[in-house]
Amino acid sequence: MVEFKHTNFRSDEQRLPQMQKAQFEGGVAVDPTPITLGQEVTVLYEGLLADSGADQVYLHCGYGSNDNWQKVQDLPMYHTGYGWERSFGVNDESRLNFCFKDSANNWDNNSGHNWSFEVHNGR
């Protein structure tokens, strides 16, 4: 499988600062987009839970339609000077869906819409 290296931001130590400066709605930046099967994707989060001072944030993610997620997992995010960050490999060509939760089980699900991205198969 071909691994694409496309990024919308720089791939060096300036990547997270540039993602933070983009100031996407809801405090979420995803790189790269569009997302291709087999790629590593980085999510930077500065949303509601980060604003509330959460001690740990988890990326709650899965694949499929927004109302029927498969392969659901909670990935611990890493606190950086730019927000909460997590990189992971995209291993399913159906739709990638995610939201966030903290260690107190508070959720940020984009007002019930979650965040959802089409995954391209690279062909």
N, C-alpha and C. Protein backbone atom coordinates (compact mmCIF):
# COMPACT_ATOMS: atom_id res chain seq x y z
N MET A 1 0.84 -1.17 0.00
CA MET A 1 0.00 0.00 0.00
C MET A 1 0.89 1.24 0.00
N VAL A 2 0.55 2.23 -0.79
CA VAL A 2 1.31 3.46 -0.88
C VAL A 2 0.96 4.37 0.29
N GLU A 3 1.98 4.91 0.95
CA GLU A 3 1.73 5.86 2.03
C GLU A 3 2.01 7.26 1.50
N PHE A 4 0.99 8.10 1.48
CA PHE A 4 1.13 9.44 0.97
C PHE A 4 1.68 10.35 2.05
N LYS A 5 2.52 11.30 1.67
CA LYS A 5 3.16 12.20 2.62
C LYS A 5 2.61 13.62 2.51
N HIS A 6 1.52 13.82 1.76
CA HIS A 6 0.97 15.15 1.59
C HIS A 6 0.56 15.74 2.93
N THR A 7 0.85 16.99 3.11
CA THR A 7 0.41 17.70 4.30
C THR A 7 -0.02 19.10 3.90
N ASN A 8 -1.00 19.62 4.57
CA ASN A 8 -1.44 20.98 4.32
C ASN A 8 -0.55 21.97 5.07
N PHE A 9 0.18 21.48 6.04
CA PHE A 9 1.05 22.30 6.86
C PHE A 9 2.47 21.78 6.68
N ARG A 10 3.42 22.48 7.22
CA ARG A 10 4.81 22.04 7.13
C ARG A 10 4.97 20.73 7.88
N SER A 11 5.97 19.96 7.51
CA SER A 11 6.17 18.66 8.15
C SER A 11 7.27 18.69 9.20
N ASP A 12 7.78 19.85 9.53
CA ASP A 12 8.84 19.94 10.53
C ASP A 12 8.27 20.41 11.87
N GLU A 13 9.11 20.95 12.71
CA GLU A 13 8.67 21.37 14.04
C GLU A 13 7.67 22.53 14.01
N GLN A 14 7.45 23.13 12.85
CA GLN A 14 6.48 24.21 12.72
C GLN A 14 5.06 23.71 12.41
N ARG A 15 4.88 22.42 12.26
CA ARG A 15 3.57 21.87 11.90
C ARG A 15 2.49 22.21 12.93
N LEU A 16 2.72 21.88 14.21
CA LEU A 16 1.69 22.14 15.22
C LEU A 16 1.43 23.63 15.40
N PRO A 17 2.46 24.50 15.43
CA PRO A 17 2.15 25.94 15.52
C PRO A 17 1.32 26.43 14.33
N GLN A 18 1.58 25.92 13.14
CA GLN A 18 0.79 26.33 11.98
C GLN A 18 -0.63 25.81 12.06
N MET A 19 -0.80 24.58 12.55
CA MET A 19 -2.15 24.04 12.71
C MET A 19 -2.92 24.88 13.73
N GLN A 20 -2.25 25.29 14.81
CA GLN A 20 -2.89 26.11 15.84
C GLN A 20 -3.29 27.47 15.27
N LYS A 21 -2.43 28.07 14.50
CA LYS A 21 -2.71 29.40 13.94
C LYS A 21 -3.87 29.38 12.95
N ALA A 22 -4.15 28.21 12.37
CA ALA A 22 -5.25 28.12 11.40
C ALA A 22 -6.59 28.43 12.04
N GLN A 23 -6.73 28.22 13.34
CA GLN A 23 -7.92 28.54 14.11
C GLN A 23 -9.21 28.04 13.44
N PHE A 24 -9.27 26.74 13.21
CA PHE A 24 -10.45 26.14 12.63
C PHE A 24 -11.62 26.18 13.60
N GLU A 25 -12.83 26.22 13.06
CA GLU A 25 -14.04 26.25 13.87
C GLU A 25 -14.10 25.04 14.79
N GLY A 26 -14.46 25.26 16.03
CA GLY A 26 -14.54 24.19 17.02
C GLY A 26 -13.20 23.84 17.63
N GLY A 27 -12.14 24.53 17.22
CA GLY A 27 -10.83 24.28 17.79
C GLY A 27 -10.20 22.97 17.34
N VAL A 28 -10.55 22.49 16.14
CA VAL A 28 -10.03 21.23 15.64
C VAL A 28 -9.34 21.44 14.29
N ALA A 29 -8.09 20.97 14.20
CA ALA A 29 -7.35 20.99 12.93
C ALA A 29 -6.95 19.56 12.61
N VAL A 30 -7.11 19.15 11.36
CA VAL A 30 -6.77 17.81 10.90
C VAL A 30 -5.80 17.95 9.74
N ASP A 31 -4.73 17.17 9.79
CA ASP A 31 -3.73 17.25 8.73
C ASP A 31 -3.17 15.86 8.45
N PRO A 32 -3.12 15.43 7.20
CA PRO A 32 -3.51 16.15 6.01
C PRO A 32 -4.98 15.94 5.68
N THR A 33 -5.50 16.80 4.88
CA THR A 33 -6.81 16.63 4.25
C THR A 33 -6.63 16.94 2.77
N PRO A 34 -7.23 16.21 1.89
CA PRO A 34 -8.09 15.06 2.15
C PRO A 34 -7.29 13.91 2.76
N ILE A 35 -8.01 13.00 3.40
CA ILE A 35 -7.40 11.85 4.08
C ILE A 35 -7.41 10.65 3.13
N THR A 36 -6.27 9.97 3.07
CA THR A 36 -6.13 8.81 2.21
C THR A 36 -5.83 7.57 3.05
N LEU A 37 -6.45 6.46 2.69
CA LEU A 37 -6.23 5.18 3.36
C LEU A 37 -4.74 4.90 3.47
N GLY A 38 -4.30 4.48 4.66
CA GLY A 38 -2.90 4.15 4.89
C GLY A 38 -2.06 5.32 5.38
N GLN A 39 -2.62 6.50 5.40
CA GLN A 39 -1.91 7.69 5.84
C GLN A 39 -1.89 7.80 7.35
N GLU A 40 -0.90 8.53 7.84
CA GLU A 40 -0.93 8.97 9.23
C GLU A 40 -1.57 10.35 9.25
N VAL A 41 -2.53 10.53 10.14
CA VAL A 41 -3.27 11.78 10.27
C VAL A 41 -2.98 12.35 11.65
N THR A 42 -2.87 13.67 11.72
CA THR A 42 -2.69 14.35 13.00
C THR A 42 -3.91 15.19 13.28
N VAL A 43 -4.44 15.06 14.51
CA VAL A 43 -5.57 15.88 14.97
C VAL A 43 -5.04 16.76 16.10
N LEU A 44 -5.27 18.06 15.97
CA LEU A 44 -4.93 19.03 17.01
C LEU A 44 -6.24 19.59 17.55
N TYR A 45 -6.41 19.54 18.87
CA TYR A 45 -7.67 19.92 19.51
C TYR A 45 -7.44 21.03 20.54
N GLU A 46 -8.22 22.10 20.40
CA GLU A 46 -8.22 23.21 21.35
C GLU A 46 -9.66 23.63 21.67
N GLY A 47 -10.57 22.70 21.64
CA GLY A 47 -12.00 22.99 21.80
C GLY A 47 -12.45 23.13 23.24
N LEU A 48 -13.73 22.84 23.46
CA LEU A 48 -14.38 23.05 24.75
C LEU A 48 -13.68 22.38 25.92
N LEU A 49 -13.28 21.13 25.75
CA LEU A 49 -12.65 20.41 26.86
C LEU A 49 -11.28 20.99 27.20
N ALA A 50 -10.54 21.40 26.18
CA ALA A 50 -9.24 22.03 26.42
C ALA A 50 -9.43 23.35 27.15
N ASP A 51 -10.47 24.10 26.77
CA ASP A 51 -10.77 25.38 27.41
C ASP A 51 -11.19 25.21 28.86
N SER A 52 -11.74 24.03 29.20
CA SER A 52 -12.22 23.80 30.57
C SER A 52 -11.11 23.30 31.50
N GLY A 53 -9.91 23.12 30.96
CA GLY A 53 -8.79 22.69 31.79
C GLY A 53 -8.71 21.20 32.03
N ALA A 54 -9.18 20.39 31.10
CA ALA A 54 -9.15 18.93 31.26
C ALA A 54 -7.73 18.45 31.52
N ASP A 55 -7.61 17.45 32.43
CA ASP A 55 -6.29 16.89 32.71
C ASP A 55 -5.88 15.84 31.69
N GLN A 56 -6.84 15.27 30.96
CA GLN A 56 -6.57 14.32 29.89
C GLN A 56 -7.71 14.40 28.88
N VAL A 57 -7.37 14.37 27.60
CA VAL A 57 -8.36 14.37 26.53
C VAL A 57 -8.12 13.13 25.69
N TYR A 58 -9.23 12.49 25.26
CA TYR A 58 -9.17 11.30 24.42
C TYR A 58 -9.84 11.60 23.09
N LEU A 59 -9.24 11.12 22.02
CA LEU A 59 -9.84 11.16 20.70
C LEU A 59 -10.69 9.89 20.59
N HIS A 60 -12.00 10.05 20.54
CA HIS A 60 -12.95 8.94 20.41
C HIS A 60 -13.24 8.83 18.92
N CYS A 61 -12.79 7.76 18.27
CA CYS A 61 -12.89 7.70 16.82
C CYS A 61 -13.35 6.34 16.33
N GLY A 62 -13.89 6.33 15.13
CA GLY A 62 -14.34 5.11 14.48
C GLY A 62 -14.60 5.37 13.01
N TYR A 63 -15.02 4.33 12.31
CA TYR A 63 -15.23 4.40 10.87
C TYR A 63 -16.66 4.00 10.52
N GLY A 64 -17.16 4.53 9.42
CA GLY A 64 -18.50 4.18 8.94
C GLY A 64 -19.39 5.40 8.91
N SER A 65 -20.69 5.15 8.87
CA SER A 65 -21.63 6.27 8.85
C SER A 65 -21.61 6.95 10.22
N ASN A 66 -22.02 8.19 10.25
CA ASN A 66 -21.95 8.97 11.49
C ASN A 66 -22.84 8.40 12.59
N ASP A 67 -23.85 7.61 12.23
CA ASP A 67 -24.74 7.04 13.25
C ASP A 67 -24.48 5.56 13.53
N ASN A 68 -23.42 4.97 12.93
CA ASN A 68 -23.11 3.56 13.14
C ASN A 68 -21.60 3.33 12.99
N TRP A 69 -20.85 3.76 14.00
CA TRP A 69 -19.39 3.66 13.95
C TRP A 69 -18.94 2.22 14.16
N GLN A 70 -17.88 1.84 13.46
CA GLN A 70 -17.22 0.55 13.62
C GLN A 70 -15.77 0.81 14.04
N LYS A 71 -15.10 -0.20 14.57
CA LYS A 71 -13.69 -0.09 14.99
C LYS A 71 -13.49 1.10 15.91
N VAL A 72 -14.37 1.29 16.86
CA VAL A 72 -14.34 2.44 17.77
C VAL A 72 -13.20 2.28 18.77
N GLN A 73 -12.48 3.36 18.98
CA GLN A 73 -11.41 3.34 19.97
C GLN A 73 -11.25 4.71 20.61
N ASP A 74 -10.71 4.71 21.81
CA ASP A 74 -10.38 5.94 22.52
C ASP A 74 -8.86 6.05 22.57
N LEU A 75 -8.33 7.05 21.90
CA LEU A 75 -6.89 7.25 21.84
C LEU A 75 -6.50 8.41 22.74
N PRO A 76 -5.63 8.19 23.73
CA PRO A 76 -5.21 9.31 24.57
C PRO A 76 -4.45 10.33 23.73
N MET A 77 -4.76 11.59 23.97
CA MET A 77 -4.09 12.67 23.25
C MET A 77 -2.95 13.19 24.13
N TYR A 78 -2.03 13.88 23.50
CA TYR A 78 -0.85 14.41 24.19
C TYR A 78 -0.96 15.92 24.28
N HIS A 79 -0.78 16.44 25.49
CA HIS A 79 -0.86 17.88 25.70
C HIS A 79 0.44 18.53 25.25
N THR A 80 0.32 19.48 24.35
CA THR A 80 1.48 20.23 23.85
C THR A 80 1.25 21.70 24.14
N GLY A 81 2.19 22.52 23.84
CA GLY A 81 2.03 23.95 23.99
C GLY A 81 1.06 24.54 22.98
N TYR A 82 0.57 23.72 22.06
CA TYR A 82 -0.33 24.18 21.00
C TYR A 82 -1.73 23.61 21.13
N GLY A 83 -1.95 22.75 22.08
CA GLY A 83 -3.23 22.08 22.28
C GLY A 83 -3.01 20.60 22.48
N TRP A 84 -4.08 19.82 22.41
CA TRP A 84 -4.02 18.37 22.53
C TRP A 84 -3.81 17.77 21.14
N GLU A 85 -2.86 16.86 21.02
CA GLU A 85 -2.48 16.33 19.71
C GLU A 85 -2.47 14.81 19.74
N ARG A 86 -2.88 14.22 18.60
CA ARG A 86 -2.77 12.77 18.42
C ARG A 86 -2.59 12.47 16.94
N SER A 87 -1.62 11.64 16.63
CA SER A 87 -1.41 11.14 15.28
C SER A 87 -1.74 9.65 15.28
N PHE A 88 -2.32 9.18 14.19
CA PHE A 88 -2.69 7.76 14.08
C PHE A 88 -2.83 7.40 12.62
N GLY A 89 -2.69 6.11 12.34
CA GLY A 89 -2.84 5.62 10.97
C GLY A 89 -4.29 5.36 10.64
N VAL A 90 -4.69 5.75 9.45
CA VAL A 90 -6.06 5.52 8.97
C VAL A 90 -6.08 4.17 8.26
N ASN A 91 -6.82 3.20 8.83
CA ASN A 91 -6.76 1.84 8.32
C ASN A 91 -8.10 1.29 7.83
N ASP A 92 -9.00 2.18 7.48
CA ASP A 92 -10.30 1.75 6.95
C ASP A 92 -10.73 2.80 5.93
N GLU A 93 -11.22 2.35 4.78
CA GLU A 93 -11.56 3.31 3.74
C GLU A 93 -12.98 3.86 3.83
N SER A 94 -13.70 3.47 4.88
CA SER A 94 -15.00 4.12 5.08
C SER A 94 -14.78 5.45 5.80
N ARG A 95 -15.81 6.15 6.07
CA ARG A 95 -15.73 7.49 6.65
C ARG A 95 -15.09 7.47 8.04
N LEU A 96 -14.18 8.43 8.31
CA LEU A 96 -13.55 8.59 9.62
C LEU A 96 -14.39 9.58 10.43
N ASN A 97 -14.80 9.16 11.62
CA ASN A 97 -15.60 10.00 12.51
C ASN A 97 -14.88 10.12 13.84
N PHE A 98 -14.96 11.28 14.47
CA PHE A 98 -14.38 11.40 15.80
C PHE A 98 -15.03 12.53 16.58
N CYS A 99 -14.84 12.44 17.89
CA CYS A 99 -15.21 13.48 18.84
C CYS A 99 -14.21 13.36 19.98
N PHE A 100 -14.45 14.05 21.08
CA PHE A 100 -13.47 14.09 22.16
C PHE A 100 -14.17 13.90 23.50
N LYS A 101 -13.44 13.31 24.44
CA LYS A 101 -13.94 13.21 25.81
C LYS A 101 -12.75 13.42 26.75
N ASP A 102 -13.07 13.79 27.99
CA ASP A 102 -12.00 13.96 28.97
C ASP A 102 -12.09 12.85 30.02
N SER A 103 -11.20 12.88 30.99
CA SER A 103 -11.15 11.82 32.00
C SER A 103 -12.35 11.85 32.95
N ALA A 104 -13.10 12.97 32.99
CA ALA A 104 -14.31 13.06 33.81
C ALA A 104 -15.56 12.67 33.01
N ASN A 105 -15.36 12.15 31.78
CA ASN A 105 -16.43 11.72 30.88
C ASN A 105 -17.29 12.87 30.38
N ASN A 106 -16.71 14.06 30.26
CA ASN A 106 -17.34 15.18 29.56
C ASN A 106 -17.00 15.03 28.08
N TRP A 107 -17.95 15.40 27.23
CA TRP A 107 -17.79 15.18 25.79
C TRP A 107 -17.84 16.49 25.02
N ASP A 108 -17.12 16.52 23.91
CA ASP A 108 -17.25 17.56 22.89
C ASP A 108 -17.51 16.81 21.59
N ASN A 109 -18.77 16.82 21.16
CA ASN A 109 -19.15 16.09 19.94
C ASN A 109 -19.64 17.03 18.84
N ASN A 110 -19.13 18.27 18.86
CA ASN A 110 -19.46 19.22 17.80
C ASN A 110 -20.97 19.45 17.73
N SER A 111 -21.57 19.67 18.89
CA SER A 111 -23.03 19.90 18.99
C SER A 111 -23.83 18.74 18.40
N GLY A 112 -23.35 17.51 18.64
CA GLY A 112 -24.05 16.32 18.17
C GLY A 112 -23.72 15.90 16.75
N HIS A 113 -22.87 16.63 16.07
CA HIS A 113 -22.54 16.32 14.67
C HIS A 113 -21.24 15.55 14.53
N ASN A 114 -20.43 15.49 15.59
CA ASN A 114 -19.10 14.90 15.54
C ASN A 114 -18.28 15.58 14.43
N TRP A 115 -17.10 15.11 14.21
CA TRP A 115 -16.28 15.53 13.07
C TRP A 115 -16.19 14.33 12.17
N SER A 116 -16.34 14.51 10.87
CA SER A 116 -16.44 13.40 9.94
C SER A 116 -15.70 13.74 8.65
N PHE A 117 -14.88 12.79 8.19
CA PHE A 117 -14.07 13.00 6.99
C PHE A 117 -14.16 11.79 6.08
N GLU A 118 -14.33 12.05 4.80
CA GLU A 118 -14.28 10.98 3.82
C GLU A 118 -12.84 10.48 3.73
N VAL A 119 -12.67 9.17 3.60
CA VAL A 119 -11.36 8.56 3.42
C VAL A 119 -11.26 8.08 1.98
N HIS A 120 -10.23 8.52 1.29
CA HIS A 120 -10.01 8.13 -0.11
C HIS A 120 -9.14 6.88 -0.13
N ASN A 121 -9.37 6.02 -1.12
CA ASN A 121 -8.62 4.76 -1.17
C ASN A 121 -7.28 4.90 -1.86
N GLY A 122 -6.93 6.06 -2.37
CA GLY A 122 -5.62 6.27 -2.98
C GLY A 122 -5.52 5.87 -4.42
N ARG A 123 -6.62 5.45 -5.00
CA ARG A 123 -6.62 5.05 -6.42
C ARG A 123 -7.17 6.15 -7.29
